[in-house]
Amino acid sequence: MKHGGDLGEAAARFGGSGSTWLDLSTGINPHAWPVPEELREAGWTRLPSGADLARLIEAARLAYDAPAQAAIAAAPGTQAIIQWLPRLAAVGTVSIVGPTYGEHETAWQAAGYRVSLVPTLAAATESGRHVVVVNPNNPDGRIATRPQLLAVAETCRARGGWLIVDESFVDVEPGCSIVRHCTELPIIVLRSFGKFYGLAGLRLGFAIATSTLTQQISRALGPWAVSGPAMTVGAAALADIGWAAAMRGRLVCERDELDSLLLAAGLRIAGGTNLFRLVEHPRAGRLHDSLASRRIWTRRFQWSDTLLRIGLPPHEAASRRLAAALGDAVRDVASSRHDQGTSTGTPW
């Protein structure tokens, strides 16, 4: 599975229709911002205006606590910015702190850059002209500190490069954002609207940096890159500061409940954020398939045989379903392991 959220692969391999599946493969908030009725028809019959874009940008500035001198480019999802940045950057080696969201590596390699995957920020500064870090990281949730990021940005500046900080999941930990420093150093901050606000289908994301950098991005994206409905709904949701504060508290509680459920099933929590958890199991691939046979879709990784990412269940009934399925799946995997070990003489 290349990404979470696509139930087509799940249904093709394990049967069933979308309505029969519990999709926990994404890091998208299952409690979406409630779009008011009066906004559901807005922006469909005309091209977006400059005033629409200005309202969206100002709402993003306030929600993300971006400094007044910073510029913001809006895009049809953060993914669009990720794909454009390598076509705008100076030639040089790119260091990506990983393992992390795989589309960063894909985009830079497709543009012809030499990409170095490194385990730490300290290692990223050894050779990279440009450095990419996801903070908090996906999928393990590790967080780079502000002093660490600023030191890397200084190195990037000395080499004529950029520090790209993908903050797609920082809404749950806003104090970790580096956005206040994005005009002092060559830092490009990426923010994803859809994950925290639970409206991923709206396709909306932002790049925050100096005006010179954001102008390059906006020109590359072209006019009307963001749809009218996305501008209208996005501006209203970002301005709803009370909803965001309450949601952060709710997600902490639901993360704790999910942790208890996962631990009760015998899984080890290896990291994550308040929107998803990373768990460890010695036969994660088998566990993934066993859950899928019960129509529960989780996120597995090509680079690890022991890790699964599991998103927050959307309601209590879903939590009960996950708990029951995990109990059965863990027993099934243990049983198949025992049978295989018995028949082959393999020690486990």
Protein backbone atom coordinates (compact mmCIF):
# COMPACT_ATOMS: atom_id res chain seq x y z
CA MET A 1 0.00 0.00 0.00
CA LYS A 2 1.61 3.23 -1.16
CA HIS A 3 -0.70 5.54 0.82
CA GLY A 4 -3.48 5.31 3.32
CA GLY A 5 -7.03 6.20 2.50
CA ASP A 6 -7.60 4.23 -0.72
CA LEU A 7 -10.11 1.48 -0.07
CA GLY A 8 -9.95 0.35 -3.69
CA GLU A 9 -6.94 -1.84 -2.95
CA ALA A 10 -8.58 -3.13 0.21
CA ALA A 11 -11.79 -4.14 -1.58
CA ALA A 12 -9.88 -5.66 -4.50
CA ARG A 13 -7.81 -7.87 -2.22
CA PHE A 14 -10.23 -8.67 0.57
CA GLY A 15 -13.70 -8.02 -0.84
CA GLY A 16 -16.53 -5.93 0.49
CA SER A 17 -17.60 -2.41 -0.40
CA GLY A 18 -16.55 0.93 1.03
CA SER A 19 -19.47 1.03 3.46
CA THR A 20 -18.43 -2.27 5.06
CA TRP A 21 -14.90 -1.11 5.84
CA LEU A 22 -13.50 0.72 8.83
CA ASP A 23 -10.71 2.80 7.33
CA LEU A 24 -8.00 3.55 9.90
CA SER A 25 -5.19 3.82 7.34
CA THR A 26 -4.97 7.64 7.28
CA GLY A 27 -3.95 10.34 9.73
CA ILE A 28 -7.06 12.39 8.93
CA ASN A 29 -9.15 13.66 11.83
CA PRO A 30 -12.32 11.51 11.89
CA HIS A 31 -14.22 14.46 13.41
CA ALA A 32 -14.38 16.95 10.55
CA TRP A 33 -15.04 20.64 11.00
CA PRO A 34 -18.84 20.93 10.54
CA VAL A 35 -19.39 22.85 7.31
CA PRO A 36 -22.40 25.16 7.81
CA GLU A 37 -25.29 24.66 5.44
CA GLU A 38 -24.91 28.16 3.99
CA LEU A 39 -21.33 27.39 2.90
CA ARG A 40 -22.05 24.10 1.16
CA GLU A 41 -23.20 25.81 -2.03
CA ALA A 42 -20.69 28.66 -1.91
CA GLY A 43 -18.13 29.31 -4.60
CA TRP A 44 -19.32 26.84 -7.23
CA THR A 45 -20.64 29.10 -9.98
CA ARG A 46 -17.89 31.72 -10.36
CA LEU A 47 -14.15 31.93 -10.49
CA PRO A 48 -12.45 32.66 -7.16
CA SER A 49 -11.69 36.35 -6.67
CA GLY A 50 -8.70 38.14 -5.25
CA ALA A 51 -10.81 39.02 -2.22
CA ASP A 52 -11.62 35.31 -1.67
CA LEU A 53 -7.92 34.47 -1.70
CA ALA A 54 -7.05 37.37 0.61
CA ARG A 55 -9.62 36.18 3.19
CA LEU A 56 -8.21 32.66 3.03
CA ILE A 57 -4.62 33.85 3.43
CA GLU A 58 -5.48 36.08 6.39
CA ALA A 59 -7.36 33.25 8.09
CA ALA A 60 -4.37 30.96 7.57
CA ARG A 61 -2.01 33.62 8.95
CA LEU A 62 -4.01 33.89 12.16
CA ALA A 63 -4.63 30.15 12.57
CA TYR A 64 -0.97 29.28 11.99
CA ASP A 65 0.44 32.27 13.93
CA ALA A 66 2.52 33.30 10.92
CA PRO A 67 4.46 36.56 11.33
CA ALA A 68 3.12 39.65 9.58
CA GLN A 69 6.15 39.81 7.27
CA ALA A 70 5.74 36.21 6.11
CA ALA A 71 4.03 35.46 2.81
CA ILE A 72 1.64 32.57 2.26
CA ALA A 73 0.95 30.64 -0.94
CA ALA A 74 -2.26 28.60 -1.12
CA ALA A 75 -2.35 25.36 -3.11
CA PRO A 76 -4.76 22.52 -3.94
CA GLY A 77 -3.26 20.38 -1.19
CA THR A 78 0.23 20.24 0.28
CA GLN A 79 1.08 17.48 -2.17
CA ALA A 80 0.99 19.98 -5.05
CA ILE A 81 3.64 22.10 -3.31
CA ILE A 82 5.79 19.06 -2.57
CA GLN A 83 5.86 18.24 -6.28
CA TRP A 84 6.69 21.79 -7.34
CA LEU A 85 9.49 22.61 -4.88
CA PRO A 86 12.15 20.46 -6.62
CA ARG A 87 11.44 22.30 -9.87
CA LEU A 88 12.09 25.66 -8.21
CA ALA A 89 15.10 24.86 -6.03
CA ALA A 90 18.78 25.27 -6.83
CA VAL A 91 20.63 22.17 -7.98
CA GLY A 92 22.26 20.17 -5.19
CA THR A 93 21.99 17.18 -2.91
CA VAL A 94 18.76 16.87 -0.92
CA SER A 95 18.81 15.30 2.54
CA ILE A 96 15.50 13.92 3.78
CA VAL A 97 15.16 12.89 7.42
CA GLY A 98 13.42 9.54 7.43
CA PRO A 99 11.79 7.18 7.32
CA THR A 100 8.97 9.59 6.56
CA TYR A 101 6.27 10.51 4.05
CA GLY A 102 7.54 8.93 0.84
CA GLU A 103 6.34 11.56 -1.64
CA HIS A 104 9.14 13.93 -0.64
CA GLU A 105 11.76 11.49 -1.89
CA THR A 106 9.71 10.64 -4.98
CA ALA A 107 9.31 14.28 -5.99
CA TRP A 108 12.98 15.22 -5.62
CA GLN A 109 14.19 12.10 -7.39
CA ALA A 110 11.75 12.64 -10.26
CA ALA A 111 13.23 16.12 -10.74
CA GLY A 112 16.73 14.65 -11.07
CA TYR A 113 18.17 15.49 -7.66
CA ARG A 114 20.47 13.22 -5.74
CA VAL A 115 18.55 12.32 -2.60
CA SER A 116 20.10 11.15 0.62
CA LEU A 117 17.84 9.57 3.24
CA VAL A 118 19.29 10.22 6.69
CA PRO A 119 18.16 9.15 10.17
CA THR A 120 18.67 12.47 11.97
CA LEU A 121 18.78 16.21 11.38
CA ALA A 122 22.42 16.23 12.40
CA ALA A 123 23.22 13.81 9.60
CA ALA A 124 21.21 15.93 7.15
CA THR A 125 23.65 18.81 7.44
CA GLU A 126 26.67 16.71 6.50
CA SER A 127 26.08 17.00 2.75
CA GLY A 128 22.64 18.32 1.89
CA ARG A 129 22.21 21.68 0.21
CA HIS A 130 18.49 21.33 0.83
CA VAL A 131 17.02 19.54 3.84
CA VAL A 132 13.50 18.14 4.18
CA VAL A 133 12.05 17.23 7.56
CA VAL A 134 8.49 16.30 8.51
CA ASN A 135 7.74 17.70 11.96
CA PRO A 136 6.03 15.98 13.75
CA ASN A 137 7.22 13.09 11.67
CA ASN A 138 4.94 10.67 9.88
CA PRO A 139 4.69 7.89 10.98
CA ASP A 140 6.64 7.84 14.27
CA GLY A 141 5.66 11.30 15.55
CA ARG A 142 9.18 12.34 16.55
CA ILE A 143 9.64 16.09 16.92
CA ALA A 144 12.63 18.20 15.98
CA THR A 145 13.24 21.07 18.39
CA ARG A 146 13.33 24.70 17.36
CA PRO A 147 17.09 25.07 18.09
CA GLN A 148 17.80 21.99 15.97
CA LEU A 149 15.78 23.32 13.05
CA LEU A 150 17.32 26.79 13.24
CA ALA A 151 20.83 25.33 13.21
CA VAL A 152 20.02 23.32 10.10
CA ALA A 153 18.47 26.38 8.44
CA GLU A 154 21.68 28.32 9.06
CA THR A 155 23.66 25.58 7.32
CA CYS A 156 21.23 25.58 4.40
CA ARG A 157 21.61 29.34 4.06
CA ALA A 158 25.39 29.03 3.95
CA ARG A 159 25.03 26.51 1.11
CA GLY A 160 22.43 28.49 -0.82
CA GLY A 161 19.74 25.96 -0.04
CA TRP A 162 16.39 25.58 1.70
CA LEU A 163 15.11 23.92 4.84
CA ILE A 164 11.67 22.54 4.04
CA VAL A 165 9.64 21.76 7.16
CA ASP A 166 6.50 19.75 6.45
CA GLU A 167 4.17 20.58 9.34
CA SER A 168 1.19 18.62 8.06
CA PHE A 169 0.51 17.22 11.55
CA VAL A 170 1.63 20.15 13.68
CA ASP A 171 -1.93 21.39 14.26
CA VAL A 172 -2.17 18.92 17.15
CA GLU A 173 1.09 20.32 18.63
CA PRO A 174 1.12 23.97 17.44
CA GLY A 175 3.90 24.91 19.82
CA CYS A 176 6.30 22.83 17.73
CA SER A 177 5.90 25.01 14.64
CA ILE A 178 8.92 26.85 13.24
CA VAL A 179 6.72 29.29 11.34
CA ARG A 180 7.76 32.31 13.42
CA HIS A 181 11.27 32.04 11.95
CA CYS A 182 10.44 31.45 8.29
CA THR A 183 11.39 34.98 7.22
CA GLU A 184 14.69 35.10 9.09
CA LEU A 185 16.17 32.07 7.32
CA PRO A 186 15.53 30.09 4.11
CA ILE A 187 12.75 28.04 5.69
CA ILE A 188 9.66 26.91 3.79
CA VAL A 189 6.89 25.72 6.09
CA LEU A 190 4.23 23.44 4.61
CA ARG A 191 0.82 23.25 6.27
CA SER A 192 -1.96 20.81 5.42
CA PHE A 193 -5.54 21.94 6.00
CA GLY A 194 -7.35 18.66 5.44
CA LYS A 195 -5.76 16.46 8.09
CA PHE A 196 -6.59 18.36 11.27
CA TYR A 197 -9.85 19.80 9.96
CA GLY A 198 -10.90 16.40 8.63
CA LEU A 199 -11.75 17.76 5.16
CA ALA A 200 -9.03 16.12 3.09
CA GLY A 201 -11.23 15.97 -0.02
CA LEU A 202 -11.31 19.76 -0.13
CA ARG A 203 -7.63 19.69 -1.22
CA LEU A 204 -6.06 22.71 0.45
CA GLY A 205 -2.54 23.38 1.68
CA PHE A 206 -0.15 26.26 2.25
CA ALA A 207 3.51 27.21 1.93
CA ILE A 208 4.72 29.90 4.35
CA ALA A 209 8.06 31.61 3.71
CA THR A 210 9.52 34.87 2.42
CA SER A 211 7.59 36.69 -0.29
CA THR A 212 10.28 35.80 -2.83
CA LEU A 213 9.87 32.08 -2.23
CA THR A 214 6.08 32.08 -2.05
CA GLN A 215 5.84 34.13 -5.24
CA GLN A 216 7.81 31.42 -7.02
CA ILE A 217 5.43 28.79 -5.72
CA SER A 218 2.31 30.78 -6.59
CA ARG A 219 3.54 31.47 -10.13
CA ALA A 220 4.27 27.78 -10.61
CA LEU A 221 0.80 26.79 -9.40
CA GLY A 222 -0.84 29.30 -11.73
CA PRO A 223 -4.09 31.28 -11.41
CA TRP A 224 -7.12 29.77 -9.66
CA ALA A 225 -5.08 26.92 -8.21
CA VAL A 226 -7.45 26.70 -5.24
CA SER A 227 -11.15 26.22 -5.91
CA GLY A 228 -13.79 28.68 -4.75
CA PRO A 229 -15.43 26.18 -2.37
CA ALA A 230 -12.05 25.36 -0.84
CA MET A 231 -11.32 29.05 -0.28
CA THR A 232 -14.71 29.71 1.32
CA VAL A 233 -14.80 26.66 3.58
CA GLY A 234 -11.09 26.85 4.37
CA ALA A 235 -11.27 30.48 5.46
CA ALA A 236 -14.26 29.83 7.72
CA ALA A 237 -12.74 26.74 9.32
CA LEU A 238 -9.35 28.34 9.92
CA ALA A 239 -11.07 31.30 11.58
CA ASP A 240 -12.88 29.00 14.01
CA ILE A 241 -10.22 29.14 16.72
CA GLY A 242 -12.61 27.84 19.39
CA TRP A 243 -13.32 24.66 17.43
CA ALA A 244 -9.59 24.04 16.94
CA ALA A 245 -8.82 24.45 20.65
CA ALA A 246 -11.64 22.12 21.69
CA MET A 247 -10.64 19.57 19.07
CA ARG A 248 -7.06 19.43 20.31
CA GLY A 249 -8.34 18.48 23.76
CA ARG A 250 -10.69 15.87 22.34
CA LEU A 251 -7.94 14.28 20.26
CA VAL A 252 -5.69 13.89 23.31
CA CYS A 253 -8.45 11.96 25.10
CA GLU A 254 -9.16 9.77 22.09
CA ARG A 255 -5.45 9.09 21.58
CA ASP A 256 -5.23 7.87 25.17
CA GLU A 257 -8.26 5.63 24.66
CA LEU A 258 -6.75 4.18 21.50
CA ASP A 259 -3.45 3.57 23.30
CA SER A 260 -5.26 1.61 26.00
CA LEU A 261 -7.03 -0.46 23.36
CA LEU A 262 -3.81 -1.22 21.50
CA LEU A 263 -1.89 -2.13 24.65
CA ALA A 264 -4.71 -4.41 25.77
CA ALA A 265 -4.33 -6.27 22.47
CA GLY A 266 -0.64 -6.88 23.22
CA LEU A 267 0.80 -4.35 20.78
CA ARG A 268 3.71 -2.05 21.56
CA ILE A 269 3.23 1.64 20.81
CA ALA A 270 6.24 2.84 18.85
CA GLY A 271 5.17 6.45 18.35
CA GLY A 272 2.64 8.54 16.49
CA THR A 273 0.68 11.76 16.95
CA ASN A 274 -2.71 12.57 18.39
CA LEU A 275 -4.25 11.65 15.01
CA PHE A 276 -2.64 8.22 14.59
CA ARG A 277 -0.56 5.67 16.45
CA LEU A 278 2.39 3.62 15.25
CA VAL A 279 2.42 0.12 16.70
CA GLU A 280 4.96 -2.67 16.61
CA HIS A 281 4.28 -6.36 16.09
CA PRO A 282 6.80 -9.00 14.93
CA ARG A 283 4.46 -10.05 12.10
CA ALA A 284 2.86 -6.74 11.22
CA GLY A 285 2.16 -7.79 7.64
CA ARG A 286 0.16 -10.81 8.78
CA LEU A 287 -1.64 -8.70 11.37
CA HIS A 288 -2.52 -6.13 8.69
CA ASP A 289 -3.98 -8.83 6.45
CA SER A 290 -5.86 -10.46 9.31
CA LEU A 291 -7.47 -7.14 10.20
CA ALA A 292 -8.24 -6.56 6.52
CA SER A 293 -10.03 -9.90 6.35
CA ARG A 294 -12.30 -8.38 9.00
CA ARG A 295 -12.75 -5.23 6.88
CA ILE A 296 -10.45 -3.01 8.95
CA TRP A 297 -7.83 -1.19 6.89
CA THR A 298 -4.57 -0.08 8.51
CA ARG A 299 -1.35 1.35 7.08
CA ARG A 300 1.64 -0.91 6.59
CA PHE A 301 5.06 0.06 5.25
CA GLN A 302 7.26 -1.44 2.56
CA TRP A 303 10.33 -0.53 4.58
CA SER A 304 9.27 -2.32 7.77
CA ASP A 305 7.92 -5.79 8.53
CA THR A 306 7.13 -4.90 12.14
CA LEU A 307 5.21 -1.62 12.06
CA LEU A 308 1.59 -0.63 11.45
CA ARG A 309 -0.04 2.80 11.62
CA ILE A 310 -3.58 2.94 13.00
CA GLY A 311 -5.75 6.04 12.91
CA LEU A 312 -8.31 7.17 15.47
CA PRO A 313 -11.63 5.30 15.33
CA PRO A 314 -14.45 7.73 14.49
CA HIS A 315 -16.83 6.67 17.29
CA GLU A 316 -17.33 4.25 20.17
CA ALA A 317 -18.83 1.51 18.01
CA ALA A 318 -15.77 1.65 15.76
CA SER A 319 -13.50 1.38 18.82
CA ARG A 320 -15.36 -1.71 19.99
CA ARG A 321 -15.11 -3.21 16.52
CA LEU A 322 -11.37 -2.52 16.40
CA ALA A 323 -10.81 -4.00 19.87
CA ALA A 324 -12.64 -7.22 18.97
CA ALA A 325 -10.92 -7.52 15.61
CA LEU A 326 -7.48 -6.90 17.10
CA GLY A 327 -8.00 -9.57 19.72
CA ASP A 328 -9.02 -12.10 17.08
CA ALA A 329 -6.31 -11.03 14.63
CA VAL A 330 -3.50 -11.22 17.18
CA ARG A 331 -4.62 -14.72 18.19
CA ASP A 332 -4.85 -15.78 14.52
CA VAL A 333 -1.34 -14.53 13.78
CA ALA A 334 0.05 -16.22 16.88
CA SER A 335 -1.71 -19.46 15.95
CA SER A 336 -0.40 -19.44 12.37
CA ARG A 337 3.10 -18.70 13.65
CA HIS A 338 2.87 -21.64 16.07
CA ASP A 339 1.61 -23.97 13.35
CA GLN A 340 4.35 -22.91 10.97
CA GLY A 341 7.00 -23.31 13.65
CA THR A 342 5.68 -26.77 14.55
CA SER A 343 5.58 -28.02 10.97
CA THR A 344 8.98 -26.71 9.96
CA GLY A 345 10.87 -27.03 13.21
CA THR A 346 11.59 -23.30 13.09
CA PRO A 347 12.21 -21.78 16.51
CA TRP A 348 10.14 -18.66 17.23
